[in-house]
Amino acid sequence: MSLDPKSTYYDAGGIETIEVIKAKLTPEQYRGFCHGNALKYLMRAQHKEDPMRDFEKAHYYIKLWMGELCDDNEAYAIRRTK
């Protein structure tokens, strides 16, 4: 199942594109990828009549980036619920 239910084409072939990218990059490169994508979507949202989808995409990449900054995803999930 796609990590982004609004863009299911990213898991065509049975694997998420983001998982391939993560597997091919170093952790530092992957964090930079997430950071750059979040910035891209935030910057372009201000030029759209309805920026909500770009805000959703930026939020998605920020969550991925935050998950990478934590020691593990379980620690992130615990902090997120507090």
PDB file of N, CA and C in Angstrom:
ATOM      1  N   MET A   1       0.838  -1.187   0.000  1.00  0.00           N
ATOM      2  CA  MET A   1       0.000   0.000   0.000  1.00  0.00           C
ATOM      3  C   MET A   1       0.876   1.241   0.000  1.00  0.00           C
ATOM      4  N   SER A   2       0.467   2.230  -0.741  1.00  0.00           N
ATOM      5  CA  SER A   2       1.226   3.453  -0.871  1.00  0.00           C
ATOM      6  C   SER A   2       1.306   4.222   0.445  1.00  0.00           C
ATOM      7  N   LEU A   3       2.471   4.769   0.736  1.00  0.00           N
ATOM      8  CA  LEU A   3       2.619   5.628   1.909  1.00  0.00           C
ATOM      9  C   LEU A   3       1.815   6.912   1.741  1.00  0.00           C
ATOM     10  N   ASP A   4       1.574   7.317   0.515  1.00  0.00           N
ATOM     11  CA  ASP A   4       0.779   8.504   0.213  1.00  0.00           C
ATOM     12  C   ASP A   4      -0.458   8.052  -0.541  1.00  0.00           C
ATOM     13  N   PRO A   5      -1.593   7.904   0.154  1.00  0.00           N
ATOM     14  CA  PRO A   5      -2.794   7.377  -0.499  1.00  0.00           C
ATOM     15  C   PRO A   5      -3.312   8.237  -1.646  1.00  0.00           C
ATOM     16  N   LYS A   6      -2.899   9.488  -1.728  1.00  0.00           N
ATOM     17  CA  LYS A   6      -3.331  10.348  -2.833  1.00  0.00           C
ATOM     18  C   LYS A   6      -2.450  10.184  -4.066  1.00  0.00           C
ATOM     19  N   SER A   7      -1.334   9.486  -3.922  1.00  0.00           N
ATOM     20  CA  SER A   7      -0.395   9.300  -5.031  1.00  0.00           C
ATOM     21  C   SER A   7       0.045   7.839  -5.089  1.00  0.00           C
ATOM     22  N   THR A   8      -0.878   6.961  -5.368  1.00  0.00           N
ATOM     23  CA  THR A   8      -0.589   5.523  -5.328  1.00  0.00           C
ATOM     24  C   THR A   8       0.364   5.057  -6.428  1.00  0.00           C
ATOM     25  N   TYR A   9       0.621   5.874  -7.406  1.00  0.00           N
ATOM     26  CA  TYR A   9       1.531   5.483  -8.478  1.00  0.00           C
ATOM     27  C   TYR A   9       2.969   5.338  -7.989  1.00  0.00           C
ATOM     28  N   TYR A  10       3.286   5.852  -6.807  1.00  0.00           N
ATOM     29  CA  TYR A  10       4.645   5.731  -6.290  1.00  0.00           C
ATOM     30  C   TYR A  10       4.999   4.321  -5.851  1.00  0.00           C
ATOM     31  N   ASP A  11       3.997   3.450  -5.691  1.00  0.00           N
ATOM     32  CA  ASP A  11       4.320   2.072  -5.310  1.00  0.00           C
ATOM     33  C   ASP A  11       4.049   1.074  -6.434  1.00  0.00           C
ATOM     34  N   ALA A  12       3.982   1.566  -7.651  1.00  0.00           N
ATOM     35  CA  ALA A  12       3.832   0.673  -8.806  1.00  0.00           C
ATOM     36  C   ALA A  12       5.029  -0.275  -8.846  1.00  0.00           C
ATOM     37  N   GLY A  13       4.771  -1.533  -9.072  1.00  0.00           N
ATOM     38  CA  GLY A  13       5.833  -2.524  -9.087  1.00  0.00           C
ATOM     39  C   GLY A  13       6.080  -3.161  -7.730  1.00  0.00           C
ATOM     40  N   GLY A  14       5.299  -2.746  -6.729  1.00  0.00           N
ATOM     41  CA  GLY A  14       5.376  -3.393  -5.425  1.00  0.00           C
ATOM     42  C   GLY A  14       6.343  -2.792  -4.429  1.00  0.00           C
ATOM     43  N   ILE A  15       7.017  -1.710  -4.781  1.00  0.00           N
ATOM     44  CA  ILE A  15       7.927  -1.058  -3.832  1.00  0.00           C
ATOM     45  C   ILE A  15       7.767   0.452  -3.945  1.00  0.00           C
ATOM     46  N   GLU A  16       7.743   1.102  -2.807  1.00  0.00           N
ATOM     47  CA  GLU A  16       7.631   2.557  -2.770  1.00  0.00           C
ATOM     48  C   GLU A  16       8.903   3.196  -3.326  1.00  0.00           C
ATOM     49  N   THR A  17       8.739   4.203  -4.164  1.00  0.00           N
ATOM     50  CA  THR A  17       9.882   4.930  -4.706  1.00  0.00           C
ATOM     51  C   THR A  17      10.740   5.503  -3.579  1.00  0.00           C
ATOM     52  N   ILE A  18      10.100   6.017  -2.536  1.00  0.00           N
ATOM     53  CA  ILE A  18      10.849   6.600  -1.420  1.00  0.00           C
ATOM     54  C   ILE A  18      11.732   5.558  -0.747  1.00  0.00           C
ATOM     55  N   GLU A  19      11.304   4.304  -0.709  1.00  0.00           N
ATOM     56  CA  GLU A  19      12.122   3.240  -0.112  1.00  0.00           C
ATOM     57  C   GLU A  19      13.350   2.937  -0.965  1.00  0.00           C
ATOM     58  N   VAL A  20      13.209   2.997  -2.289  1.00  0.00           N
ATOM     59  CA  VAL A  20      14.357   2.811  -3.176  1.00  0.00           C
ATOM     60  C   VAL A  20      15.354   3.945  -2.967  1.00  0.00           C
ATOM     61  N   ILE A  21      14.835   5.178  -2.909  1.00  0.00           N
ATOM     62  CA  ILE A  21      15.706   6.339  -2.694  1.00  0.00           C
ATOM     63  C   ILE A  21      16.449   6.204  -1.375  1.00  0.00           C
ATOM     64  N   LYS A  22      15.736   5.859  -0.311  1.00  0.00           N
ATOM     65  CA  LYS A  22      16.362   5.710   1.011  1.00  0.00           C
ATOM     66  C   LYS A  22      17.442   4.631   0.994  1.00  0.00           C
ATOM     67  N   ALA A  23      17.183   3.538   0.291  1.00  0.00           N
ATOM     68  CA  ALA A  23      18.148   2.438   0.234  1.00  0.00           C
ATOM     69  C   ALA A  23      19.417   2.824  -0.522  1.00  0.00           C
ATOM     70  N   LYS A  24      19.308   3.726  -1.476  1.00  0.00           N
ATOM     71  CA  LYS A  24      20.448   4.086  -2.323  1.00  0.00           C
ATOM     72  C   LYS A  24      21.267   5.257  -1.792  1.00  0.00           C
ATOM     73  N   LEU A  25      20.719   6.007  -0.828  1.00  0.00           N
ATOM     74  CA  LEU A  25      21.419   7.175  -0.297  1.00  0.00           C
ATOM     75  C   LEU A  25      21.989   6.872   1.083  1.00  0.00           C
ATOM     76  N   THR A  26      23.008   7.621   1.455  1.00  0.00           N
ATOM     77  CA  THR A  26      23.485   7.550   2.838  1.00  0.00           C
ATOM     78  C   THR A  26      22.427   8.217   3.719  1.00  0.00           C
ATOM     79  N   PRO A  27      22.445   7.948   5.027  1.00  0.00           N
ATOM     80  CA  PRO A  27      21.479   8.616   5.905  1.00  0.00           C
ATOM     81  C   PRO A  27      21.527  10.151   5.785  1.00  0.00           C
ATOM     82  N   GLU A  28      22.717  10.700   5.684  1.00  0.00           N
ATOM     83  CA  GLU A  28      22.849  12.150   5.545  1.00  0.00           C
ATOM     84  C   GLU A  28      22.236  12.635   4.226  1.00  0.00           C
ATOM     85  N   GLN A  29      22.487  11.919   3.145  1.00  0.00           N
ATOM     86  CA  GLN A  29      21.902  12.283   1.858  1.00  0.00           C
ATOM     87  C   GLN A  29      20.381  12.187   1.891  1.00  0.00           C
ATOM     88  N   TYR A  30      19.871  11.152   2.528  1.00  0.00           N
ATOM     89  CA  TYR A  30      18.421  10.974   2.614  1.00  0.00           C
ATOM     90  C   TYR A  30      17.769  12.093   3.422  1.00  0.00           C
ATOM     91  N   ARG A  31      18.394  12.486   4.537  1.00  0.00           N
ATOM     92  CA  ARG A  31      17.866  13.614   5.302  1.00  0.00           C
ATOM     93  C   ARG A  31      17.857  14.875   4.448  1.00  0.00           C
ATOM     94  N   GLY A  32      18.906  15.083   3.666  1.00  0.00           N
ATOM     95  CA  GLY A  32      18.969  16.238   2.761  1.00  0.00           C
ATOM     96  C   GLY A  32      17.879  16.177   1.698  1.00  0.00           C
ATOM     97  N   PHE A  33      17.612  14.986   1.190  1.00  0.00           N
ATOM     98  CA  PHE A  33      16.544  14.797   0.213  1.00  0.00           C
ATOM     99  C   PHE A  33      15.197  15.199   0.819  1.00  0.00           C
ATOM    100  N   CYS A  34      14.924  14.734   2.035  1.00  0.00           N
ATOM    101  CA  CYS A  34      13.662  15.066   2.704  1.00  0.00           C
ATOM    102  C   CYS A  34      13.578  16.560   2.979  1.00  0.00           C
ATOM    103  N   HIS A  35      14.669  17.142   3.452  1.00  0.00           N
ATOM    104  CA  HIS A  35      14.729  18.571   3.737  1.00  0.00           C
ATOM    105  C   HIS A  35      14.451  19.380   2.465  1.00  0.00           C
ATOM    106  N   GLY A  36      15.127  19.026   1.389  1.00  0.00           N
ATOM    107  CA  GLY A  36      14.956  19.740   0.125  1.00  0.00           C
ATOM    108  C   GLY A  36      13.543  19.643  -0.420  1.00  0.00           C
ATOM    109  N   ASN A  37      12.947  18.461  -0.334  1.00  0.00           N
ATOM    110  CA  ASN A  37      11.579  18.303  -0.822  1.00  0.00           C
ATOM    111  C   ASN A  37      10.588  19.092   0.024  1.00  0.00           C
ATOM    112  N   ALA A  38      10.780  19.098   1.350  1.00  0.00           N
ATOM    113  CA  ALA A  38       9.905  19.894   2.214  1.00  0.00           C
ATOM    114  C   ALA A  38       9.991  21.365   1.825  1.00  0.00           C
ATOM    115  N   LEU A  39      11.202  21.878   1.632  1.00  0.00           N
ATOM    116  CA  LEU A  39      11.371  23.270   1.225  1.00  0.00           C
ATOM    117  C   LEU A  39      10.712  23.549  -0.122  1.00  0.00           C
ATOM    118  N   LYS A  40      10.900  22.635  -1.065  1.00  0.00           N
ATOM    119  CA  LYS A  40      10.315  22.809  -2.395  1.00  0.00           C
ATOM    120  C   LYS A  40       8.812  22.991  -2.311  1.00  0.00           C
ATOM    121  N   TYR A  41       8.140  22.105  -1.585  1.00  0.00           N
ATOM    122  CA  TYR A  41       6.688  22.182  -1.507  1.00  0.00           C
ATOM    123  C   TYR A  41       6.214  23.403  -0.731  1.00  0.00           C
ATOM    124  N   LEU A  42       6.948  23.802   0.309  1.00  0.00           N
ATOM    125  CA  LEU A  42       6.569  25.007   1.044  1.00  0.00           C
ATOM    126  C   LEU A  42       6.734  26.260   0.179  1.00  0.00           C
ATOM    127  N   MET A  43       7.816  26.317  -0.582  1.00  0.00           N
ATOM    128  CA  MET A  43       8.079  27.498  -1.413  1.00  0.00           C
ATOM    129  C   MET A  43       7.089  27.640  -2.556  1.00  0.00           C
ATOM    130  N   ARG A  44       6.677  26.535  -3.152  1.00  0.00           N
ATOM    131  CA  ARG A  44       5.762  26.650  -4.284  1.00  0.00           C
ATOM    132  C   ARG A  44       4.309  26.817  -3.855  1.00  0.00           C
ATOM    133  N   ALA A  45       3.993  26.437  -2.620  1.00  0.00           N
ATOM    134  CA  ALA A  45       2.610  26.548  -2.137  1.00  0.00           C
ATOM    135  C   ALA A  45       2.126  27.992  -2.168  1.00  0.00           C
ATOM    136  N   GLN A  46       3.010  28.934  -1.900  1.00  0.00           N
ATOM    137  CA  GLN A  46       2.611  30.340  -1.851  1.00  0.00           C
ATOM    138  C   GLN A  46       2.219  30.898  -3.218  1.00  0.00           C
ATOM    139  N   HIS A  47       2.474  30.155  -4.267  1.00  0.00           N
ATOM    140  CA  HIS A  47       2.162  30.611  -5.614  1.00  0.00           C
ATOM    141  C   HIS A  47       0.945  29.913  -6.206  1.00  0.00           C
ATOM    142  N   LYS A  48       0.230  29.169  -5.390  1.00  0.00           N
ATOM    143  CA  LYS A  48      -0.924  28.419  -5.875  1.00  0.00           C
ATOM    144  C   LYS A  48      -2.206  28.960  -5.276  1.00  0.00           C
ATOM    145  N   GLU A  49      -3.275  28.838  -6.055  1.00  0.00           N
ATOM    146  CA  GLU A  49      -4.582  29.280  -5.570  1.00  0.00           C
ATOM    147  C   GLU A  49      -5.031  28.446  -4.371  1.00  0.00           C
ATOM    148  N   ASP A  50      -4.797  27.128  -4.434  1.00  0.00           N
ATOM    149  CA  ASP A  50      -5.127  26.231  -3.330  1.00  0.00           C
ATOM    150  C   ASP A  50      -3.855  25.489  -2.932  1.00  0.00           C
ATOM    151  N   PRO A  51      -3.146  25.971  -1.911  1.00  0.00           N
ATOM    152  CA  PRO A  51      -1.847  25.399  -1.559  1.00  0.00           C
ATOM    153  C   PRO A  51      -1.905  24.151  -0.683  1.00  0.00           C
ATOM    154  N   MET A  52      -3.075  23.678  -0.323  1.00  0.00           N
ATOM    155  CA  MET A  52      -3.172  22.604   0.671  1.00  0.00           C
ATOM    156  C   MET A  52      -2.417  21.326   0.283  1.00  0.00           C
ATOM    157  N   ARG A  53      -2.483  20.905  -0.975  1.00  0.00           N
ATOM    158  CA  ARG A  53      -1.786  19.670  -1.363  1.00  0.00           C
ATOM    159  C   ARG A  53      -0.282  19.829  -1.190  1.00  0.00           C
ATOM    160  N   ASP A  54       0.253  20.992  -1.520  1.00  0.00           N
ATOM    161  CA  ASP A  54       1.685  21.214  -1.324  1.00  0.00           C
ATOM    162  C   ASP A  54       2.037  21.235   0.155  1.00  0.00           C
ATOM    163  N   PHE A  55       1.167  21.783   0.995  1.00  0.00           N
ATOM    164  CA  PHE A  55       1.408  21.733   2.440  1.00  0.00           C
ATOM    165  C   PHE A  55       1.386  20.291   2.939  1.00  0.00           C
ATOM    166  N   GLU A  56       0.470  19.484   2.416  1.00  0.00           N
ATOM    167  CA  GLU A  56       0.427  18.059   2.793  1.00  0.00           C
ATOM    168  C   GLU A  56       1.723  17.356   2.408  1.00  0.00           C
ATOM    169  N   LYS A  57       2.218  17.642   1.201  1.00  0.00           N
ATOM    170  CA  LYS A  57       3.457  17.014   0.743  1.00  0.00           C
ATOM    171  C   LYS A  57       4.641  17.463   1.590  1.00  0.00           C
ATOM    172  N   ALA A  58       4.702  18.760   1.917  1.00  0.00           N
ATOM    173  CA  ALA A  58       5.777  19.266   2.769  1.00  0.00           C
ATOM    174  C   ALA A  58       5.722  18.575   4.126  1.00  0.00           C
ATOM    175  N   HIS A  59       4.533  18.431   4.668  1.00  0.00           N
ATOM    176  CA  HIS A  59       4.350  17.769   5.958  1.00  0.00           C
ATOM    177  C   HIS A  59       4.837  16.315   5.892  1.00  0.00           C
ATOM    178  N   TYR A  60       4.520  15.632   4.811  1.00  0.00           N
ATOM    179  CA  TYR A  60       4.959  14.248   4.609  1.00  0.00           C
ATOM    180  C   TYR A  60       6.492  14.153   4.687  1.00  0.00           C
ATOM    181  N   TYR A  61       7.188  15.038   3.956  1.00  0.00           N
ATOM    182  CA  TYR A  61       8.652  14.995   3.954  1.00  0.00           C
ATOM    183  C   TYR A  61       9.243  15.444   5.282  1.00  0.00           C
ATOM    184  N   ILE A  62       8.592  16.365   5.966  1.00  0.00           N
ATOM    185  CA  ILE A  62       9.057  16.772   7.293  1.00  0.00           C
ATOM    186  C   ILE A  62       8.946  15.602   8.260  1.00  0.00           C
ATOM    187  N   LYS A  63       7.838  14.844   8.188  1.00  0.00           N
ATOM    188  CA  LYS A  63       7.689  13.674   9.058  1.00  0.00           C
ATOM    189  C   LYS A  63       8.762  12.629   8.759  1.00  0.00           C
ATOM    190  N   LEU A  64       9.067  12.407   7.493  1.00  0.00           N
ATOM    191  CA  LEU A  64      10.142  11.461   7.153  1.00  0.00           C
ATOM    192  C   LEU A  64      11.473  11.948   7.712  1.00  0.00           C
ATOM    193  N   TRP A  65      11.738  13.224   7.557  1.00  0.00           N
ATOM    194  CA  TRP A  65      12.978  13.833   8.039  1.00  0.00           C
ATOM    195  C   TRP A  65      13.067  13.709   9.556  1.00  0.00           C
ATOM    196  N   MET A  66      11.973  13.996  10.258  1.00  0.00           N
ATOM    197  CA  MET A  66      11.957  13.872  11.712  1.00  0.00           C
ATOM    198  C   MET A  66      12.227  12.438  12.146  1.00  0.00           C
ATOM    199  N   GLY A  67      11.646  11.488  11.432  1.00  0.00           N
ATOM    200  CA  GLY A  67      11.875  10.081  11.742  1.00  0.00           C
ATOM    201  C   GLY A  67      13.332   9.700  11.611  1.00  0.00           C
ATOM    202  N   GLU A  68      14.032  10.300  10.668  1.00  0.00           N
ATOM    203  CA  GLU A  68      15.453  10.019  10.476  1.00  0.00           C
ATOM    204  C   GLU A  68      16.305  10.641  11.575  1.00  0.00           C
ATOM    205  N   LEU A  69      15.839  11.704  12.171  1.00  0.00           N
ATOM    206  CA  LEU A  69      16.605  12.376  13.213  1.00  0.00           C
ATOM    207  C   LEU A  69      16.493  11.690  14.560  1.00  0.00           C
ATOM    208  N   CYS A  70      15.487  10.831  14.711  1.00  0.00           N
ATOM    209  CA  CYS A  70      15.294  10.108  15.963  1.00  0.00           C
ATOM    210  C   CYS A  70      16.144   8.839  15.963  1.00  0.00           C
ATOM    211  N   ASP A  71      16.405   8.334  17.144  1.00  0.00           N
ATOM    212  CA  ASP A  71      17.190   7.097  17.257  1.00  0.00           C
ATOM    213  C   ASP A  71      16.487   5.941  16.571  1.00  0.00           C
ATOM    214  N   ASP A  72      15.159   5.885  16.689  1.00  0.00           N
ATOM    215  CA  ASP A  72      14.388   4.872  15.989  1.00  0.00           C
ATOM    216  C   ASP A  72      12.954   5.356  15.859  1.00  0.00           C
ATOM    217  N   ASN A  73      12.176   4.709  14.998  1.00  0.00           N
ATOM    218  CA  ASN A  73      10.807   5.150  14.755  1.00  0.00           C
ATOM    219  C   ASN A  73       9.920   4.992  15.974  1.00  0.00           C
ATOM    220  N   GLU A  74      10.216   4.040  16.854  1.00  0.00           N
ATOM    221  CA  GLU A  74       9.418   3.858  18.064  1.00  0.00           C
ATOM    222  C   GLU A  74       9.553   5.081  18.967  1.00  0.00           C
ATOM    223  N   ALA A  75      10.764   5.594  19.108  1.00  0.00           N
ATOM    224  CA  ALA A  75      10.974   6.793  19.914  1.00  0.00           C
ATOM    225  C   ALA A  75      10.215   7.968  19.323  1.00  0.00           C
ATOM    226  N   TYR A  76      10.210   8.076  17.993  1.00  0.00           N
ATOM    227  CA  TYR A  76       9.459   9.141  17.327  1.00  0.00           C
ATOM    228  C   TYR A  76       7.979   9.007  17.603  1.00  0.00           C
ATOM    229  N   ALA A  77       7.437   7.794  17.517  1.00  0.00           N
ATOM    230  CA  ALA A  77       6.005   7.579  17.745  1.00  0.00           C
ATOM    231  C   ALA A  77       5.622   7.930  19.181  1.00  0.00           C
ATOM    232  N   ILE A  78       6.479   7.604  20.134  1.00  0.00           N
ATOM    233  CA  ILE A  78       6.193   7.922  21.535  1.00  0.00           C
ATOM    234  C   ILE A  78       6.181   9.435  21.739  1.00  0.00           C
ATOM    235  N   ARG A  79       7.163  10.134  21.203  1.00  0.00           N
ATOM    236  CA  ARG A  79       7.209  11.601  21.355  1.00  0.00           C
ATOM    237  C   ARG A  79       6.046  12.266  20.650  1.00  0.00           C
ATOM    238  N   ARG A  80       5.654  11.737  19.498  1.00  0.00           N
ATOM    239  CA  ARG A  80       4.583  12.333  18.702  1.00  0.00           C
ATOM    240  C   ARG A  80       3.237  12.273  19.427  1.00  0.00           C
ATOM    241  N   THR A  81       3.014  11.270  20.235  1.00  0.00           N
ATOM    242  CA  THR A  81       1.726  11.129  20.901  1.00  0.00           C
ATOM    243  C   THR A  81       1.634  11.914  22.200  1.00  0.00           C
ATOM    244  N   LYS A  82       2.726  12.462  22.687  1.00  0.00           N
ATOM    245  CA  LYS A  82       2.700  13.219  23.950  1.00  0.00           C
ATOM    246  C   LYS A  82       2.213  14.629  23.739  1.00  0.00           C
TER     247      LYS A  82
END
